[in-house]
Amino acid sequence: LAVYDEDLARKLDAYKAQMSEEVIRKDAALQ
């Protein structure tokens, strides 16, 4: 649906960025 819905695409981009940040935080905690 986000292919033609820029607002939805932005929400998905933010969600993916949040997932990435969580992995980076977990790696830092592991280190």
PDB file of all heavy atoms in Angstrom:
ATOM      1  N   LEU A   1       0.829  -1.207   0.000  1.00  0.00           N
ATOM      2  CA  LEU A   1       0.000   0.000   0.000  1.00  0.00           C
ATOM      3  C   LEU A   1       0.861   1.255   0.000  1.00  0.00           C
ATOM      4  O   LEU A   1       0.471   2.285  -0.559  1.00  0.00           O
ATOM      5  CB  LEU A   1      -0.926   0.002   1.212  1.00  0.00           C
ATOM      6  CG  LEU A   1      -1.959  -1.120   1.308  1.00  0.00           C
ATOM      7  CD1 LEU A   1      -2.795  -0.955   2.565  1.00  0.00           C
ATOM      8  CD2 LEU A   1      -2.841  -1.182   0.068  1.00  0.00           C
ATOM      9  N   ALA A   2       2.044   1.169   0.611  1.00  0.00           N
ATOM     10  CA  ALA A   2       2.923   2.331   0.728  1.00  0.00           C
ATOM     11  C   ALA A   2       3.580   2.722  -0.592  1.00  0.00           C
ATOM     12  O   ALA A   2       4.146   3.811  -0.693  1.00  0.00           O
ATOM     13  CB  ALA A   2       3.990   2.073   1.788  1.00  0.00           C
ATOM     14  N   VAL A   3       3.488   1.879  -1.595  1.00  0.00           N
ATOM     15  CA  VAL A   3       4.053   2.221  -2.898  1.00  0.00           C
ATOM     16  C   VAL A   3       3.472   3.552  -3.393  1.00  0.00           C
ATOM     17  O   VAL A   3       4.183   4.363  -3.985  1.00  0.00           O
ATOM     18  CB  VAL A   3       3.800   1.092  -3.927  1.00  0.00           C
ATOM     19  CG1 VAL A   3       4.125   1.540  -5.344  1.00  0.00           C
ATOM     20  CG2 VAL A   3       4.613  -0.144  -3.558  1.00  0.00           C
ATOM     21  N   TYR A   4       2.206   3.793  -3.122  1.00  0.00           N
ATOM     22  CA  TYR A   4       1.549   5.019  -3.566  1.00  0.00           C
ATOM     23  C   TYR A   4       1.086   5.905  -2.419  1.00  0.00           C
ATOM     24  O   TYR A   4       0.326   6.834  -2.640  1.00  0.00           O
ATOM     25  CB  TYR A   4       0.362   4.684  -4.475  1.00  0.00           C
ATOM     26  CG  TYR A   4       0.800   4.029  -5.745  1.00  0.00           C
ATOM     27  CD1 TYR A   4       0.633   2.665  -5.942  1.00  0.00           C
ATOM     28  CD2 TYR A   4       1.409   4.777  -6.749  1.00  0.00           C
ATOM     29  CE1 TYR A   4       1.054   2.065  -7.113  1.00  0.00           C
ATOM     30  CE2 TYR A   4       1.832   4.176  -7.920  1.00  0.00           C
ATOM     31  CZ  TYR A   4       1.653   2.819  -8.100  1.00  0.00           C
ATOM     32  OH  TYR A   4       2.082   2.225  -9.256  1.00  0.00           O
ATOM     33  N   ASP A   5       1.522   5.612  -1.218  1.00  0.00           N
ATOM     34  CA  ASP A   5       1.107   6.395  -0.053  1.00  0.00           C
ATOM     35  C   ASP A   5       2.362   6.845   0.685  1.00  0.00           C
ATOM     36  O   ASP A   5       2.962   6.080   1.434  1.00  0.00           O
ATOM     37  CB  ASP A   5       0.207   5.541   0.840  1.00  0.00           C
ATOM     38  CG  ASP A   5      -0.375   6.311   2.012  1.00  0.00           C
ATOM     39  OD1 ASP A   5       0.317   7.201   2.550  1.00  0.00           O
ATOM     40  OD2 ASP A   5      -1.503   6.003   2.405  1.00  0.00           O
ATOM     41  N   GLU A   6       2.756   8.095   0.469  1.00  0.00           N
ATOM     42  CA  GLU A   6       4.002   8.607   1.039  1.00  0.00           C
ATOM     43  C   GLU A   6       3.975   8.640   2.567  1.00  0.00           C
ATOM     44  O   GLU A   6       5.002   8.394   3.205  1.00  0.00           O
ATOM     45  CB  GLU A   6       4.300   9.990   0.478  1.00  0.00           C
ATOM     46  CG  GLU A   6       4.644   9.957  -0.994  1.00  0.00           C
ATOM     47  CD  GLU A   6       4.875  11.345  -1.571  1.00  0.00           C
ATOM     48  OE1 GLU A   6       5.163  12.275  -0.798  1.00  0.00           O
ATOM     49  OE2 GLU A   6       4.758  11.476  -2.798  1.00  0.00           O
ATOM     50  N   ASP A   7       2.836   8.952   3.164  1.00  0.00           N
ATOM     51  CA  ASP A   7       2.744   8.969   4.622  1.00  0.00           C
ATOM     52  C   ASP A   7       2.991   7.578   5.193  1.00  0.00           C
ATOM     53  O   ASP A   7       3.719   7.416   6.183  1.00  0.00           O
ATOM     54  CB  ASP A   7       1.375   9.484   5.086  1.00  0.00           C
ATOM     55  CG  ASP A   7       1.179  10.959   4.775  1.00  0.00           C
ATOM     56  OD1 ASP A   7       2.190  11.691   4.698  1.00  0.00           O
ATOM     57  OD2 ASP A   7       0.024  11.365   4.607  1.00  0.00           O
ATOM     58  N   LEU A   8       2.394   6.591   4.583  1.00  0.00           N
ATOM     59  CA  LEU A   8       2.592   5.212   5.024  1.00  0.00           C
ATOM     60  C   LEU A   8       4.048   4.789   4.812  1.00  0.00           C
ATOM     61  O   LEU A   8       4.641   4.116   5.669  1.00  0.00           O
ATOM     62  CB  LEU A   8       1.621   4.294   4.273  1.00  0.00           C
ATOM     63  CG  LEU A   8       1.363   2.915   4.821  1.00  0.00           C
ATOM     64  CD1 LEU A   8       1.000   2.932   6.293  1.00  0.00           C
ATOM     65  CD2 LEU A   8       0.268   2.238   4.011  1.00  0.00           C
ATOM     66  N   ALA A   9       4.645   5.204   3.702  1.00  0.00           N
ATOM     67  CA  ALA A   9       6.049   4.882   3.436  1.00  0.00           C
ATOM     68  C   ALA A   9       6.951   5.495   4.507  1.00  0.00           C
ATOM     69  O   ALA A   9       7.903   4.851   4.965  1.00  0.00           O
ATOM     70  CB  ALA A   9       6.454   5.369   2.050  1.00  0.00           C
ATOM     71  N   ARG A  10       6.661   6.718   4.925  1.00  0.00           N
ATOM     72  CA  ARG A  10       7.457   7.356   5.984  1.00  0.00           C
ATOM     73  C   ARG A  10       7.332   6.579   7.297  1.00  0.00           C
ATOM     74  O   ARG A  10       8.312   6.413   8.034  1.00  0.00           O
ATOM     75  CB  ARG A  10       7.030   8.812   6.175  1.00  0.00           C
ATOM     76  CG  ARG A  10       7.660   9.753   5.155  1.00  0.00           C
ATOM     77  CD  ARG A  10       7.449  11.213   5.525  1.00  0.00           C
ATOM     78  NE  ARG A  10       6.080  11.664   5.310  1.00  0.00           N
ATOM     79  CZ  ARG A  10       5.592  12.058   4.148  1.00  0.00           C
ATOM     80  NH1 ARG A  10       6.341  12.044   3.070  1.00  0.00           N
ATOM     81  NH2 ARG A  10       4.343  12.464   4.041  1.00  0.00           N
ATOM     82  N   LYS A  11       6.125   6.111   7.603  1.00  0.00           N
ATOM     83  CA  LYS A  11       5.943   5.320   8.824  1.00  0.00           C
ATOM     84  C   LYS A  11       6.764   4.025   8.761  1.00  0.00           C
ATOM     85  O   LYS A  11       7.371   3.614   9.755  1.00  0.00           O
ATOM     86  CB  LYS A  11       4.465   4.975   9.029  1.00  0.00           C
ATOM     87  CG  LYS A  11       3.602   6.151   9.413  1.00  0.00           C
ATOM     88  CD  LYS A  11       2.150   5.712   9.538  1.00  0.00           C
ATOM     89  CE  LYS A  11       1.216   6.859   9.825  1.00  0.00           C
ATOM     90  NZ  LYS A  11      -0.197   6.426   9.891  1.00  0.00           N
ATOM     91  N   LEU A  12       6.781   3.393   7.599  1.00  0.00           N
ATOM     92  CA  LEU A  12       7.559   2.168   7.436  1.00  0.00           C
ATOM     93  C   LEU A  12       9.055   2.457   7.544  1.00  0.00           C
ATOM     94  O   LEU A  12       9.799   1.684   8.166  1.00  0.00           O
ATOM     95  CB  LEU A  12       7.247   1.501   6.091  1.00  0.00           C
ATOM     96  CG  LEU A  12       5.934   0.738   6.050  1.00  0.00           C
ATOM     97  CD1 LEU A  12       5.498   0.501   4.610  1.00  0.00           C
ATOM     98  CD2 LEU A  12       6.045  -0.578   6.797  1.00  0.00           C
ATOM     99  N   ASP A  13       9.502   3.559   6.958  1.00  0.00           N
ATOM    100  CA  ASP A  13      10.916   3.926   7.059  1.00  0.00           C
ATOM    101  C   ASP A  13      11.307   4.147   8.519  1.00  0.00           C
ATOM    102  O   ASP A  13      12.366   3.709   8.958  1.00  0.00           O
ATOM    103  CB  ASP A  13      11.208   5.189   6.239  1.00  0.00           C
ATOM    104  CG  ASP A  13      11.166   4.944   4.736  1.00  0.00           C
ATOM    105  OD1 ASP A  13      11.255   3.771   4.312  1.00  0.00           O
ATOM    106  OD2 ASP A  13      11.028   5.932   3.986  1.00  0.00           O
ATOM    107  N   ALA A  14      10.456   4.830   9.267  1.00  0.00           N
ATOM    108  CA  ALA A  14      10.731   5.079  10.686  1.00  0.00           C
ATOM    109  C   ALA A  14      10.766   3.763  11.465  1.00  0.00           C
ATOM    110  O   ALA A  14      11.621   3.569  12.346  1.00  0.00           O
ATOM    111  CB  ALA A  14       9.676   6.019  11.273  1.00  0.00           C
ATOM    112  N   TYR A  15       9.864   2.860  11.147  1.00  0.00           N
ATOM    113  CA  TYR A  15       9.820   1.552  11.802  1.00  0.00           C
ATOM    114  C   TYR A  15      11.117   0.781  11.544  1.00  0.00           C
ATOM    115  O   TYR A  15      11.717   0.210  12.462  1.00  0.00           O
ATOM    116  CB  TYR A  15       8.610   0.777  11.283  1.00  0.00           C
ATOM    117  CG  TYR A  15       8.529  -0.659  11.721  1.00  0.00           C
ATOM    118  CD1 TYR A  15       8.241  -0.995  13.043  1.00  0.00           C
ATOM    119  CD2 TYR A  15       8.711  -1.691  10.806  1.00  0.00           C
ATOM    120  CE1 TYR A  15       8.152  -2.326  13.436  1.00  0.00           C
ATOM    121  CE2 TYR A  15       8.626  -3.017  11.196  1.00  0.00           C
ATOM    122  CZ  TYR A  15       8.350  -3.327  12.504  1.00  0.00           C
ATOM    123  OH  TYR A  15       8.268  -4.642  12.885  1.00  0.00           O
ATOM    124  N   LYS A  16      11.573   0.782  10.287  1.00  0.00           N
ATOM    125  CA  LYS A  16      12.816   0.073   9.959  1.00  0.00           C
ATOM    126  C   LYS A  16      14.014   0.719  10.632  1.00  0.00           C
ATOM    127  O   LYS A  16      14.928   0.029  11.093  1.00  0.00           O
ATOM    128  CB  LYS A  16      12.986  -0.011   8.447  1.00  0.00           C
ATOM    129  CG  LYS A  16      11.915  -0.904   7.828  1.00  0.00           C
ATOM    130  CD  LYS A  16      12.322  -1.473   6.519  1.00  0.00           C
ATOM    131  CE  LYS A  16      11.227  -2.409   6.050  1.00  0.00           C
ATOM    132  NZ  LYS A  16      11.747  -3.652   5.550  1.00  0.00           N
ATOM    133  N   ALA A  17      14.031   2.036  10.712  1.00  0.00           N
ATOM    134  CA  ALA A  17      15.121   2.735  11.402  1.00  0.00           C
ATOM    135  C   ALA A  17      15.119   2.374  12.883  1.00  0.00           C
ATOM    136  O   ALA A  17      16.188   2.163  13.483  1.00  0.00           O
ATOM    137  CB  ALA A  17      14.984   4.245  11.213  1.00  0.00           C
ATOM    138  N   GLN A  18      13.944   2.287  13.480  1.00  0.00           N
ATOM    139  CA  GLN A  18      13.826   1.914  14.893  1.00  0.00           C
ATOM    140  C   GLN A  18      14.355   0.497  15.120  1.00  0.00           C
ATOM    141  O   GLN A  18      15.075   0.249  16.080  1.00  0.00           O
ATOM    142  CB  GLN A  18      12.366   2.013  15.340  1.00  0.00           C
ATOM    143  CG  GLN A  18      12.127   1.596  16.765  1.00  0.00           C
ATOM    144  CD  GLN A  18      10.642   1.573  17.116  1.00  0.00           C
ATOM    145  OE1 GLN A  18       9.770   1.835  16.299  1.00  0.00           O
ATOM    146  NE2 GLN A  18      10.353   1.233  18.358  1.00  0.00           N
ATOM    147  N   MET A  19      14.010  -0.422  14.215  1.00  0.00           N
ATOM    148  CA  MET A  19      14.523  -1.790  14.350  1.00  0.00           C
ATOM    149  C   MET A  19      16.044  -1.801  14.274  1.00  0.00           C
ATOM    150  O   MET A  19      16.710  -2.500  15.038  1.00  0.00           O
ATOM    151  CB  MET A  19      13.943  -2.698  13.261  1.00  0.00           C
ATOM    152  CG  MET A  19      12.504  -3.095  13.468  1.00  0.00           C
ATOM    153  SD  MET A  19      11.962  -4.436  12.378  1.00  0.00           S
ATOM    154  CE  MET A  19      12.372  -3.830  10.754  1.00  0.00           C
ATOM    155  N   SER A  20      16.615  -1.024  13.361  1.00  0.00           N
ATOM    156  CA  SER A  20      18.058  -0.943  13.204  1.00  0.00           C
ATOM    157  C   SER A  20      18.711  -0.395  14.472  1.00  0.00           C
ATOM    158  O   SER A  20      19.710  -0.946  14.955  1.00  0.00           O
ATOM    159  CB  SER A  20      18.397  -0.052  12.010  1.00  0.00           C
ATOM    160  OG  SER A  20      19.790   0.088  11.870  1.00  0.00           O
ATOM    161  N   GLU A  21      18.136   0.663  15.016  1.00  0.00           N
ATOM    162  CA  GLU A  21      18.675   1.260  16.242  1.00  0.00           C
ATOM    163  C   GLU A  21      18.637   0.265  17.403  1.00  0.00           C
ATOM    164  O   GLU A  21      19.569   0.216  18.216  1.00  0.00           O
ATOM    165  CB  GLU A  21      17.896   2.522  16.596  1.00  0.00           C
ATOM    166  CG  GLU A  21      18.141   3.676  15.639  1.00  0.00           C
ATOM    167  CD  GLU A  21      17.157   4.817  15.806  1.00  0.00           C
ATOM    168  OE1 GLU A  21      16.351   4.806  16.776  1.00  0.00           O
ATOM    169  OE2 GLU A  21      17.177   5.720  14.952  1.00  0.00           O
ATOM    170  N   GLU A  22      17.586  -0.537  17.473  1.00  0.00           N
ATOM    171  CA  GLU A  22      17.486  -1.539  18.546  1.00  0.00           C
ATOM    172  C   GLU A  22      18.607  -2.567  18.435  1.00  0.00           C
ATOM    173  O   GLU A  22      19.204  -2.960  19.446  1.00  0.00           O
ATOM    174  CB  GLU A  22      16.121  -2.234  18.490  1.00  0.00           C
ATOM    175  CG  GLU A  22      14.977  -1.376  18.959  1.00  0.00           C
ATOM    176  CD  GLU A  22      13.614  -2.049  18.790  1.00  0.00           C
ATOM    177  OE1 GLU A  22      13.559  -3.289  18.609  1.00  0.00           O
ATOM    178  OE2 GLU A  22      12.609  -1.324  18.823  1.00  0.00           O
ATOM    179  N   VAL A  23      18.915  -3.003  17.216  1.00  0.00           N
ATOM    180  CA  VAL A  23      19.981  -3.984  17.021  1.00  0.00           C
ATOM    181  C   VAL A  23      21.324  -3.367  17.391  1.00  0.00           C
ATOM    182  O   VAL A  23      22.152  -4.014  18.059  1.00  0.00           O
ATOM    183  CB  VAL A  23      19.985  -4.510  15.566  1.00  0.00           C
ATOM    184  CG1 VAL A  23      21.235  -5.353  15.296  1.00  0.00           C
ATOM    185  CG2 VAL A  23      18.731  -5.322  15.294  1.00  0.00           C
ATOM    186  N   ILE A  24      21.554  -2.121  17.005  1.00  0.00           N
ATOM    187  CA  ILE A  24      22.812  -1.444  17.333  1.00  0.00           C
ATOM    188  C   ILE A  24      22.957  -1.312  18.852  1.00  0.00           C
ATOM    189  O   ILE A  24      24.041  -1.557  19.406  1.00  0.00           O
ATOM    190  CB  ILE A  24      22.890  -0.078  16.622  1.00  0.00           C
ATOM    191  CG1 ILE A  24      23.038  -0.302  15.107  1.00  0.00           C
ATOM    192  CG2 ILE A  24      24.024   0.776  17.171  1.00  0.00           C
ATOM    193  CD1 ILE A  24      22.813   0.927  14.255  1.00  0.00           C
ATOM    194  N   ARG A  25      21.867  -0.949  19.550  1.00  0.00           N
ATOM    195  CA  ARG A  25      21.902  -0.851  21.023  1.00  0.00           C
ATOM    196  C   ARG A  25      22.203  -2.215  21.653  1.00  0.00           C
ATOM    197  O   ARG A  25      22.986  -2.313  22.592  1.00  0.00           O
ATOM    198  CB  ARG A  25      20.573  -0.301  21.558  1.00  0.00           C
ATOM    199  CG  ARG A  25      20.465   1.202  21.528  1.00  0.00           C
ATOM    200  CD  ARG A  25      19.303   1.711  22.373  1.00  0.00           C
ATOM    201  NE  ARG A  25      18.016   1.150  21.999  1.00  0.00           N
ATOM    202  CZ  ARG A  25      17.216   1.651  21.060  1.00  0.00           C
ATOM    203  NH1 ARG A  25      17.570   2.717  20.396  1.00  0.00           N
ATOM    204  NH2 ARG A  25      16.053   1.089  20.795  1.00  0.00           N
ATOM    205  N   LYS A  26      21.576  -3.257  21.121  1.00  0.00           N
ATOM    206  CA  LYS A  26      21.806  -4.597  21.676  1.00  0.00           C
ATOM    207  C   LYS A  26      23.248  -5.046  21.466  1.00  0.00           C
ATOM    208  O   LYS A  26      23.849  -5.669  22.340  1.00  0.00           O
ATOM    209  CB  LYS A  26      20.830  -5.604  21.054  1.00  0.00           C
ATOM    210  CG  LYS A  26      19.408  -5.421  21.547  1.00  0.00           C
ATOM    211  CD  LYS A  26      18.457  -6.403  20.889  1.00  0.00           C
ATOM    212  CE  LYS A  26      17.042  -6.182  21.392  1.00  0.00           C
ATOM    213  NZ  LYS A  26      16.093  -7.142  20.829  1.00  0.00           N
ATOM    214  N   ASP A  27      23.814  -4.708  20.304  1.00  0.00           N
ATOM    215  CA  ASP A  27      25.207  -5.069  20.046  1.00  0.00           C
ATOM    216  C   ASP A  27      26.130  -4.307  20.994  1.00  0.00           C
ATOM    217  O   ASP A  27      27.070  -4.892  21.550  1.00  0.00           O
ATOM    218  CB  ASP A  27      25.591  -4.781  18.598  1.00  0.00           C
ATOM    219  CG  ASP A  27      27.029  -5.187  18.321  1.00  0.00           C
ATOM    220  OD1 ASP A  27      27.362  -6.381  18.498  1.00  0.00           O
ATOM    221  OD2 ASP A  27      27.839  -4.302  17.962  1.00  0.00           O
ATOM    222  N   ALA A  28      25.867  -3.028  21.199  1.00  0.00           N
ATOM    223  CA  ALA A  28      26.691  -2.238  22.115  1.00  0.00           C
ATOM    224  C   ALA A  28      26.616  -2.808  23.532  1.00  0.00           C
ATOM    225  O   ALA A  28      27.642  -2.925  24.221  1.00  0.00           O
ATOM    226  CB  ALA A  28      26.240  -0.774  22.097  1.00  0.00           C
ATOM    227  N   ALA A  29      25.424  -3.189  23.970  1.00  0.00           N
ATOM    228  CA  ALA A  29      25.257  -3.782  25.303  1.00  0.00           C
ATOM    229  C   ALA A  29      25.999  -5.106  25.393  1.00  0.00           C
ATOM    230  O   ALA A  29      26.636  -5.412  26.418  1.00  0.00           O
ATOM    231  CB  ALA A  29      23.775  -3.970  25.618  1.00  0.00           C
ATOM    232  N   LEU A  30      25.964  -5.887  24.329  1.00  0.00           N
ATOM    233  CA  LEU A  30      26.673  -7.163  24.306  1.00  0.00           C
ATOM    234  C   LEU A  30      28.181  -6.930  24.408  1.00  0.00           C
ATOM    235  O   LEU A  30      28.870  -7.636  25.159  1.00  0.00           O
ATOM    236  CB  LEU A  30      26.346  -7.942  23.031  1.00  0.00           C
ATOM    237  CG  LEU A  30      27.163  -9.212  22.800  1.00  0.00           C
ATOM    238  CD1 LEU A  30      26.849 -10.251  23.871  1.00  0.00           C
ATOM    239  CD2 LEU A  30      26.931  -9.754  21.412  1.00  0.00           C
ATOM    240  N   GLN A  31      28.685  -5.952  23.660  1.00  0.00           N
ATOM    241  CA  GLN A  31      30.116  -5.670  23.685  1.00  0.00           C
ATOM    242  C   GLN A  31      30.566  -5.271  25.091  1.00  0.00           C
ATOM    243  O   GLN A  31      31.624  -5.688  25.555  1.00  0.00           O
ATOM    244  CB  GLN A  31      30.481  -4.592  22.660  1.00  0.00           C
ATOM    245  CG  GLN A  31      30.193  -4.992  21.214  1.00  0.00           C
ATOM    246  CD  GLN A  31      30.738  -6.348  20.825  1.00  0.00           C
ATOM    247  OE1 GLN A  31      31.898  -6.676  21.099  1.00  0.00           O
ATOM    248  NE2 GLN A  31      29.912  -7.177  20.195  1.00  0.00           N
TER     249      GLN A  31
END
